[in-house]
């Protein structure tokens, strides 16, 4: 999850002001913690009682999908099609979680 912080710091991930769940997402991001459970094993989540982390994980999944889509397009440019529809997957993932 630290890579989400890096994306935010670099401006590669931005949280739109008009985003319906913007404040909830920002609160969840602030509540995220890492627990080390063994050699090289980390668990991420909002460990406090009543805290949520589902929006953060939805954004993380969308970012991973975007990264995979870029890698796939680089390897096989014709996958994107003429309209760039291939890159709409992360947007639809955010839509599934009501983030748009």
Protein backbone atom coordinates (compact mmCIF):
# COMPACT_ATOMS: atom_id res chain seq x y z
CA UNK A 1 0.00 0.00 0.00
CA UNK A 2 2.93 2.31 0.37
CA UNK A 3 3.02 2.53 -3.44
CA UNK A 4 -0.38 4.29 -3.29
CA UNK A 5 1.30 6.98 -1.21
CA UNK A 6 4.06 7.22 -3.80
CA UNK A 7 1.49 7.56 -6.61
CA UNK A 8 -0.24 10.35 -4.66
CA UNK A 9 3.03 12.14 -3.94
CA UNK A 10 4.08 11.97 -7.60
CA UNK A 11 0.69 13.25 -8.75
CA UNK A 12 0.07 10.02 -10.66
CA UNK A 13 -2.98 9.34 -8.49
CA UNK A 14 -5.29 12.20 -7.70
CA UNK A 15 -8.50 12.25 -5.72
CA UNK A 16 -11.02 14.40 -7.56
CA UNK A 17 -12.72 17.10 -5.51
CA UNK A 18 -16.09 16.09 -6.99
CA UNK A 19 -15.63 12.42 -6.08
CA UNK A 20 -18.71 11.27 -4.17
CA UNK A 21 -16.74 9.32 -1.55
CA UNK A 22 -13.70 11.62 -1.44
CA UNK A 23 -13.76 12.37 2.28
CA UNK A 24 -14.43 8.73 3.21
CA UNK A 25 -11.56 7.60 0.97
CA UNK A 26 -9.19 10.12 2.52
CA UNK A 27 -10.19 9.04 6.04
CA UNK A 28 -9.65 5.40 5.13
CA UNK A 29 -6.24 6.22 3.69
CA UNK A 30 -5.29 7.96 6.92
CA UNK A 31 -6.45 4.94 8.95
CA UNK A 32 -4.38 2.41 6.97
CA UNK A 33 -1.65 0.67 8.93
CA UNK A 34 0.83 -2.10 8.26
CA UNK A 35 1.47 -5.02 10.58
CA UNK A 36 4.55 -7.18 10.21
CA UNK A 37 3.64 -10.80 10.90
CA UNK A 38 6.86 -12.61 10.08
CA UNK A 39 9.95 -12.46 7.93
CA UNK A 40 9.00 -10.29 4.99
CA UNK A 41 5.26 -10.64 5.59
CA UNK A 42 3.11 -7.55 5.85
CA UNK A 43 -0.62 -7.09 6.35
CA UNK A 44 -2.35 -3.86 5.47
CA UNK A 45 -5.65 -2.64 6.81
CA UNK A 46 -7.50 -0.30 9.10
CA UNK A 47 -7.04 -2.18 12.35
CA UNK A 48 -8.92 0.17 14.68
CA UNK A 49 -12.44 -0.78 15.64
CA UNK A 50 -15.01 0.83 13.37
CA UNK A 51 -12.43 1.80 10.74
CA UNK A 52 -12.93 0.76 7.12
CA UNK A 53 -10.48 0.05 4.32
CA UNK A 54 -12.64 -1.12 1.40
CA UNK A 55 -12.35 2.12 -0.60
CA UNK A 56 -8.57 2.09 -0.30
CA UNK A 57 -8.40 -1.49 -1.56
CA UNK A 58 -10.79 -0.62 -4.43
CA UNK A 59 -8.47 2.20 -5.50
CA UNK A 60 -5.45 -0.09 -5.12
CA UNK A 61 -7.09 -2.70 -7.36
CA UNK A 62 -7.92 -0.04 -9.95
CA UNK A 63 -4.31 1.17 -9.91
CA UNK A 64 -3.06 -2.39 -10.35
CA UNK A 65 -5.47 -2.86 -13.26
CA UNK A 66 -4.21 0.35 -14.87
CA UNK A 67 -0.60 -0.77 -14.42
CA UNK A 68 -1.38 -4.18 -15.95
CA UNK A 69 -3.24 -2.51 -18.83
CA UNK A 70 -0.28 -0.25 -19.58
CA UNK A 71 2.10 -3.21 -19.50
CA UNK A 72 -0.20 -5.22 -21.78
CA UNK A 73 -0.55 -2.31 -24.19
CA UNK A 74 3.21 -1.86 -24.30
CA UNK A 75 3.64 -5.53 -25.11
CA UNK A 76 0.78 -5.60 -27.63
CA UNK A 77 -0.35 -2.09 -28.78
CA UNK A 78 -3.28 -3.33 -30.89
CA UNK A 79 -5.01 -4.52 -27.68
CA UNK A 80 -5.98 -0.94 -26.86
CA UNK A 81 -8.14 -0.45 -29.94
CA UNK A 82 -8.59 2.89 -31.61
CA UNK A 83 -10.59 4.54 -28.85
CA UNK A 84 -8.41 3.56 -25.89
CA UNK A 85 -11.28 1.50 -24.45
CA UNK A 86 -8.82 -0.93 -22.96
CA UNK A 87 -7.91 1.67 -20.33
CA UNK A 88 -11.49 2.12 -19.17
CA UNK A 89 -11.28 -0.97 -16.97
CA UNK A 90 -9.95 0.88 -13.91
CA UNK A 91 -12.70 3.47 -14.27
CA UNK A 92 -15.32 0.72 -14.34
CA UNK A 93 -13.76 -0.88 -11.27
CA UNK A 94 -14.12 2.41 -9.42
CA UNK A 95 -17.71 2.62 -10.66
CA UNK A 96 -18.49 -0.80 -9.21
CA UNK A 97 -17.52 0.51 -5.80
CA UNK A 98 -19.55 3.70 -6.23
CA UNK A 99 -16.44 5.88 -6.35
CA UNK A 100 -17.48 7.75 -9.50
